[in-house]
Amino acid sequence: MGLLRLPEELRSELSKPLGLLLENNIDNNVVYVLNLIKDRNPPKVIIVGDYVLSAFIKYNYIPDIGIFDKKSKRLPFQLNINPDICIKNPAGHLSDEAIEIIKNALNSQKKLMIYVEGEEDLLALPAIIFSPINSFIIYGLMDKGMVIVINNEEKKIKLYEILNKFERV
């Protein structure tokens, strides 16, 4: 399995929100985003992270792609979802397998739940890079809130440049 490792000098940059940070309680954030989805009808909605994914499911919303690892804040998290796909992705890395699966999932017409053995945190990056313009990528930012990225060309280019700084291991 080929791996890209997050270099230490990029950690602080990637700990900042890549889009709009929603700092309300989780229910208010979900309702806000669901209204945005209804208004804008994005081509794809990708949710990365157990806590955020479970909050949308509570409101009976299933994204086009859900990415989870059955952990929240690095502790076990009960999420009763049967995955469609299982992948390996070590903490602090992006596996070639995970990137390829996300690219393929974005081309699928089916809604897909992807279980990650390891850690899913960095998988928002390939989701943003490879999803269509105007797609929504939603993820949790630990102890800060929920981030919604409304994809555009500028964001894709910026994250592709960041991805090129990862170390091949």
C-alpha atoms as a PDB file:
ATOM      1  CA  MET A   1       0.000   0.000   0.000  1.00  0.00           C
ATOM      2  CA  GLY A   2       1.460   3.342  -1.046  1.00  0.00           C
ATOM      3  CA  LEU A   3       1.260   6.098   1.539  1.00  0.00           C
ATOM      4  CA  LEU A   4       1.542   9.845   1.698  1.00  0.00           C
ATOM      5  CA  ARG A   5       2.580  11.151   5.129  1.00  0.00           C
ATOM      6  CA  LEU A   6       1.475  14.517   6.474  1.00  0.00           C
ATOM      7  CA  PRO A   7       4.662  16.500   7.142  1.00  0.00           C
ATOM      8  CA  GLU A   8       4.953  18.090  10.583  1.00  0.00           C
ATOM      9  CA  GLU A   9       5.126  21.619   9.135  1.00  0.00           C
ATOM     10  CA  LEU A  10       1.663  21.228   7.515  1.00  0.00           C
ATOM     11  CA  ARG A  11      -0.145  20.054  10.660  1.00  0.00           C
ATOM     12  CA  SER A  12      -0.969  23.540  11.933  1.00  0.00           C
ATOM     13  CA  GLU A  13      -2.188  24.657   8.490  1.00  0.00           C
ATOM     14  CA  LEU A  14      -4.521  21.668   8.223  1.00  0.00           C
ATOM     15  CA  SER A  15      -5.846  22.159  11.760  1.00  0.00           C
ATOM     16  CA  LYS A  16      -7.499  25.379  10.529  1.00  0.00           C
ATOM     17  CA  PRO A  17     -10.938  25.104   8.895  1.00  0.00           C
ATOM     18  CA  LEU A  18     -10.772  24.545   5.131  1.00  0.00           C
ATOM     19  CA  GLY A  19     -14.186  26.192   4.752  1.00  0.00           C
ATOM     20  CA  LEU A  20     -16.867  27.844   6.873  1.00  0.00           C
ATOM     21  CA  LEU A  21     -16.600  26.916  10.578  1.00  0.00           C
ATOM     22  CA  LEU A  22     -20.013  26.461  12.202  1.00  0.00           C
ATOM     23  CA  GLU A  23     -19.656  26.870  15.956  1.00  0.00           C
ATOM     24  CA  ASN A  24     -23.252  26.359  17.130  1.00  0.00           C
ATOM     25  CA  ASN A  25     -24.374  23.127  18.758  1.00  0.00           C
ATOM     26  CA  ILE A  26     -24.423  20.130  16.458  1.00  0.00           C
ATOM     27  CA  ASP A  27     -28.200  20.135  15.914  1.00  0.00           C
ATOM     28  CA  ASN A  28     -28.262  23.809  14.885  1.00  0.00           C
ATOM     29  CA  ASN A  29     -25.318  23.194  12.560  1.00  0.00           C
ATOM     30  CA  VAL A  30     -27.020  20.215  10.913  1.00  0.00           C
ATOM     31  CA  VAL A  31     -30.278  22.118  10.393  1.00  0.00           C
ATOM     32  CA  TYR A  32     -28.350  25.044   8.886  1.00  0.00           C
ATOM     33  CA  VAL A  33     -26.455  22.754   6.488  1.00  0.00           C
ATOM     34  CA  LEU A  34     -29.582  20.774   5.544  1.00  0.00           C
ATOM     35  CA  ASN A  35     -31.279  24.059   4.575  1.00  0.00           C
ATOM     36  CA  LEU A  36     -28.201  24.999   2.547  1.00  0.00           C
ATOM     37  CA  ILE A  37     -28.321  21.610   0.798  1.00  0.00           C
ATOM     38  CA  LYS A  38     -31.998  22.138   0.016  1.00  0.00           C
ATOM     39  CA  ASP A  39     -31.340  25.643  -1.354  1.00  0.00           C
ATOM     40  CA  ARG A  40     -28.199  24.895  -3.373  1.00  0.00           C
ATOM     41  CA  ASN A  41     -28.709  21.243  -4.400  1.00  0.00           C
ATOM     42  CA  PRO A  42     -24.965  20.408  -4.521  1.00  0.00           C
ATOM     43  CA  PRO A  43     -23.829  17.733  -7.006  1.00  0.00           C
ATOM     44  CA  LYS A  44     -22.274  15.693  -4.146  1.00  0.00           C
ATOM     45  CA  VAL A  45     -22.399  15.808  -0.361  1.00  0.00           C
ATOM     46  CA  ILE A  46     -19.506  14.104   1.433  1.00  0.00           C
ATOM     47  CA  ILE A  47     -19.396  13.831   5.222  1.00  0.00           C
ATOM     48  CA  VAL A  48     -16.143  12.877   6.926  1.00  0.00           C
ATOM     49  CA  GLY A  49     -16.189  11.861  10.579  1.00  0.00           C
ATOM     50  CA  ASP A  50     -18.360   9.771  12.860  1.00  0.00           C
ATOM     51  CA  TYR A  51     -19.817  12.461  15.084  1.00  0.00           C
ATOM     52  CA  VAL A  52     -20.914  14.693  12.206  1.00  0.00           C
ATOM     53  CA  LEU A  53     -22.142  11.745  10.116  1.00  0.00           C
ATOM     54  CA  SER A  54     -24.219  10.419  13.035  1.00  0.00           C
ATOM     55  CA  ALA A  55     -25.769  13.880  13.516  1.00  0.00           C
ATOM     56  CA  PHE A  56     -26.957  13.997   9.889  1.00  0.00           C
ATOM     57  CA  ILE A  57     -28.267  10.433  10.072  1.00  0.00           C
ATOM     58  CA  LYS A  58     -30.245  11.436  13.183  1.00  0.00           C
ATOM     59  CA  TYR A  59     -32.027  13.910  10.874  1.00  0.00           C
ATOM     60  CA  ASN A  60     -32.598  11.111   8.315  1.00  0.00           C
ATOM     61  CA  TYR A  61     -30.089  12.561   5.880  1.00  0.00           C
ATOM     62  CA  ILE A  62     -27.744  10.157   4.106  1.00  0.00           C
ATOM     63  CA  PRO A  63     -24.908  11.852   2.179  1.00  0.00           C
ATOM     64  CA  ASP A  64     -23.617  10.679  -1.183  1.00  0.00           C
ATOM     65  CA  ILE A  65     -20.472   9.541   0.632  1.00  0.00           C
ATOM     66  CA  GLY A  66     -20.031   9.017   4.360  1.00  0.00           C
ATOM     67  CA  ILE A  67     -16.516   8.327   5.663  1.00  0.00           C
ATOM     68  CA  PHE A  68     -16.097   7.041   9.217  1.00  0.00           C
ATOM     69  CA  ASP A  69     -13.714   5.073  11.447  1.00  0.00           C
ATOM     70  CA  LYS A  70     -15.933   4.276  14.474  1.00  0.00           C
ATOM     71  CA  LYS A  71     -13.924   6.715  16.607  1.00  0.00           C
ATOM     72  CA  SER A  72     -14.465  10.242  17.839  1.00  0.00           C
ATOM     73  CA  LYS A  73     -11.694  12.169  19.561  1.00  0.00           C
ATOM     74  CA  ARG A  74      -9.690   8.944  19.165  1.00  0.00           C
ATOM     75  CA  LEU A  75     -12.132   7.031  21.407  1.00  0.00           C
ATOM     76  CA  PRO A  76     -14.531   4.297  20.270  1.00  0.00           C
ATOM     77  CA  PHE A  77     -17.736   5.726  18.812  1.00  0.00           C
ATOM     78  CA  GLN A  78     -20.925   3.721  18.336  1.00  0.00           C
ATOM     79  CA  LEU A  79     -22.122   4.206  14.790  1.00  0.00           C
ATOM     80  CA  ASN A  80     -24.622   1.658  13.507  1.00  0.00           C
ATOM     81  CA  ILE A  81     -23.817   1.809   9.825  1.00  0.00           C
ATOM     82  CA  ASN A  82     -23.045  -1.100   7.560  1.00  0.00           C
ATOM     83  CA  PRO A  83     -20.189  -0.003   5.334  1.00  0.00           C
ATOM     84  CA  ASP A  84     -20.317  -0.520   1.585  1.00  0.00           C
ATOM     85  CA  ILE A  85     -16.526  -0.330   1.378  1.00  0.00           C
ATOM     86  CA  CYS A  86     -13.719  -0.897   3.898  1.00  0.00           C
ATOM     87  CA  ILE A  87     -10.329   0.715   3.435  1.00  0.00           C
ATOM     88  CA  LYS A  88      -7.068   1.074   5.338  1.00  0.00           C
ATOM     89  CA  ASN A  89      -5.665   4.508   6.069  1.00  0.00           C
ATOM     90  CA  PRO A  90      -3.118   4.985   8.885  1.00  0.00           C
ATOM     91  CA  ALA A  91      -3.283   8.045  11.156  1.00  0.00           C
ATOM     92  CA  GLY A  92      -1.451  11.068   9.748  1.00  0.00           C
ATOM     93  CA  HIS A  93      -1.389   9.553   6.252  1.00  0.00           C
ATOM     94  CA  LEU A  94      -3.320   9.255   3.034  1.00  0.00           C
ATOM     95  CA  SER A  95      -3.198   5.801   1.524  1.00  0.00           C
ATOM     96  CA  ASP A  96      -3.249   5.403  -2.246  1.00  0.00           C
ATOM     97  CA  GLU A  97      -6.099   2.929  -1.702  1.00  0.00           C
ATOM     98  CA  ALA A  98      -8.196   5.499   0.187  1.00  0.00           C
ATOM     99  CA  ILE A  99      -7.606   8.191  -2.438  1.00  0.00           C
ATOM    100  CA  GLU A 100      -8.542   5.818  -5.258  1.00  0.00           C
ATOM    101  CA  ILE A 101     -11.683   4.583  -3.469  1.00  0.00           C
ATOM    102  CA  ILE A 102     -12.836   8.160  -2.834  1.00  0.00           C
ATOM    103  CA  LYS A 103     -12.227   9.096  -6.500  1.00  0.00           C
ATOM    104  CA  ASN A 104     -14.247   6.069  -7.633  1.00  0.00           C
ATOM    105  CA  ALA A 105     -17.006   6.692  -5.071  1.00  0.00           C
ATOM    106  CA  LEU A 106     -17.406  10.249  -6.364  1.00  0.00           C
ATOM    107  CA  ASN A 107     -18.126   8.809  -9.821  1.00  0.00           C
ATOM    108  CA  SER A 108     -20.769   6.441  -8.470  1.00  0.00           C
ATOM    109  CA  GLN A 109     -24.477   7.166  -8.607  1.00  0.00           C
ATOM    110  CA  LYS A 110     -24.991   5.125  -5.412  1.00  0.00           C
ATOM    111  CA  LYS A 111     -24.729   6.505  -1.898  1.00  0.00           C
ATOM    112  CA  LEU A 112     -21.711   4.861  -0.265  1.00  0.00           C
ATOM    113  CA  MET A 113     -20.577   4.444   3.323  1.00  0.00           C
ATOM    114  CA  ILE A 114     -16.826   3.975   3.631  1.00  0.00           C
ATOM    115  CA  TYR A 115     -15.382   2.473   6.807  1.00  0.00           C
ATOM    116  CA  VAL A 116     -11.756   3.373   7.456  1.00  0.00           C
ATOM    117  CA  GLU A 117      -9.516   1.043   9.379  1.00  0.00           C
ATOM    118  CA  GLY A 118      -7.122   3.553  10.878  1.00  0.00           C
ATOM    119  CA  GLU A 119      -8.069   7.229  10.703  1.00  0.00           C
ATOM    120  CA  GLU A 120     -10.337   9.205   8.393  1.00  0.00           C
ATOM    121  CA  ASP A 121      -9.360  12.765   9.366  1.00  0.00           C
ATOM    122  CA  LEU A 122      -7.259  13.598   6.303  1.00  0.00           C
ATOM    123  CA  LEU A 123      -9.695  12.037   3.835  1.00  0.00           C
ATOM    124  CA  ALA A 124     -11.519  15.355   3.492  1.00  0.00           C
ATOM    125  CA  LEU A 125      -8.538  16.427   1.334  1.00  0.00           C
ATOM    126  CA  PRO A 126      -9.068  13.978  -1.554  1.00  0.00           C
ATOM    127  CA  ALA A 127     -12.833  14.459  -1.163  1.00  0.00           C
ATOM    128  CA  ILE A 128     -12.364  18.178  -1.855  1.00  0.00           C
ATOM    129  CA  ILE A 129      -9.758  17.716  -4.590  1.00  0.00           C
ATOM    130  CA  PHE A 130     -11.773  15.171  -6.588  1.00  0.00           C
ATOM    131  CA  SER A 131     -15.397  16.190  -5.958  1.00  0.00           C
ATOM    132  CA  PRO A 132     -17.299  18.303  -8.475  1.00  0.00           C
ATOM    133  CA  ILE A 133     -17.391  22.103  -8.144  1.00  0.00           C
ATOM    134  CA  ASN A 134     -20.135  23.248  -5.729  1.00  0.00           C
ATOM    135  CA  SER A 135     -20.089  19.922  -3.850  1.00  0.00           C
ATOM    136  CA  PHE A 136     -20.349  20.119  -0.060  1.00  0.00           C
ATOM    137  CA  ILE A 137     -17.660  18.466   2.027  1.00  0.00           C
ATOM    138  CA  ILE A 138     -18.568  18.482   5.719  1.00  0.00           C
ATOM    139  CA  TYR A 139     -16.347  17.424   8.589  1.00  0.00           C
ATOM    140  CA  GLY A 140     -15.866  17.979  12.295  1.00  0.00           C
ATOM    141  CA  LEU A 141     -13.067  20.104  13.691  1.00  0.00           C
ATOM    142  CA  MET A 142     -12.275  18.741  17.141  1.00  0.00           C
ATOM    143  CA  ASP A 143     -13.525  20.954  19.970  1.00  0.00           C
ATOM    144  CA  LYS A 144     -14.315  23.778  17.521  1.00  0.00           C
ATOM    145  CA  GLY A 145     -17.361  22.777  15.502  1.00  0.00           C
ATOM    146  CA  MET A 146     -18.382  21.625  12.064  1.00  0.00           C
ATOM    147  CA  VAL A 147     -16.767  22.764   8.825  1.00  0.00           C
ATOM    148  CA  ILE A 148     -18.596  23.002   5.528  1.00  0.00           C
ATOM    149  CA  VAL A 149     -16.529  23.360   2.383  1.00  0.00           C
ATOM    150  CA  ILE A 150     -18.443  24.507  -0.682  1.00  0.00           C
ATOM    151  CA  ASN A 151     -16.048  23.309  -3.323  1.00  0.00           C
ATOM    152  CA  ASN A 152     -14.582  25.608  -5.940  1.00  0.00           C
ATOM    153  CA  GLU A 153     -11.615  25.567  -8.307  1.00  0.00           C
ATOM    154  CA  GLU A 154      -9.472  27.759  -6.037  1.00  0.00           C
ATOM    155  CA  LYS A 155      -9.969  25.404  -3.077  1.00  0.00           C
ATOM    156  CA  LYS A 156      -9.176  22.354  -5.216  1.00  0.00           C
ATOM    157  CA  ILE A 157      -5.931  23.923  -6.474  1.00  0.00           C
ATOM    158  CA  LYS A 158      -4.848  25.031  -2.980  1.00  0.00           C
ATOM    159  CA  LEU A 159      -5.412  21.560  -1.513  1.00  0.00           C
ATOM    160  CA  TYR A 160      -3.734  19.849  -4.453  1.00  0.00           C
ATOM    161  CA  GLU A 161      -0.668  22.025  -3.770  1.00  0.00           C
ATOM    162  CA  ILE A 162      -0.800  21.018  -0.080  1.00  0.00           C
ATOM    163  CA  LEU A 163      -1.159  17.355  -1.047  1.00  0.00           C
ATOM    164  CA  ASN A 164       1.972  17.667  -3.206  1.00  0.00           C
ATOM    165  CA  LYS A 165       3.909  18.618  -0.041  1.00  0.00           C
ATOM    166  CA  PHE A 166       3.049  15.293   1.617  1.00  0.00           C
ATOM    167  CA  GLU A 167       5.954  12.824   1.849  1.00  0.00           C
ATOM    168  CA  ARG A 168       5.776   9.566  -0.117  1.00  0.00           C
ATOM    169  CA  VAL A 169       6.643   6.670   2.219  1.00  0.00           C
END
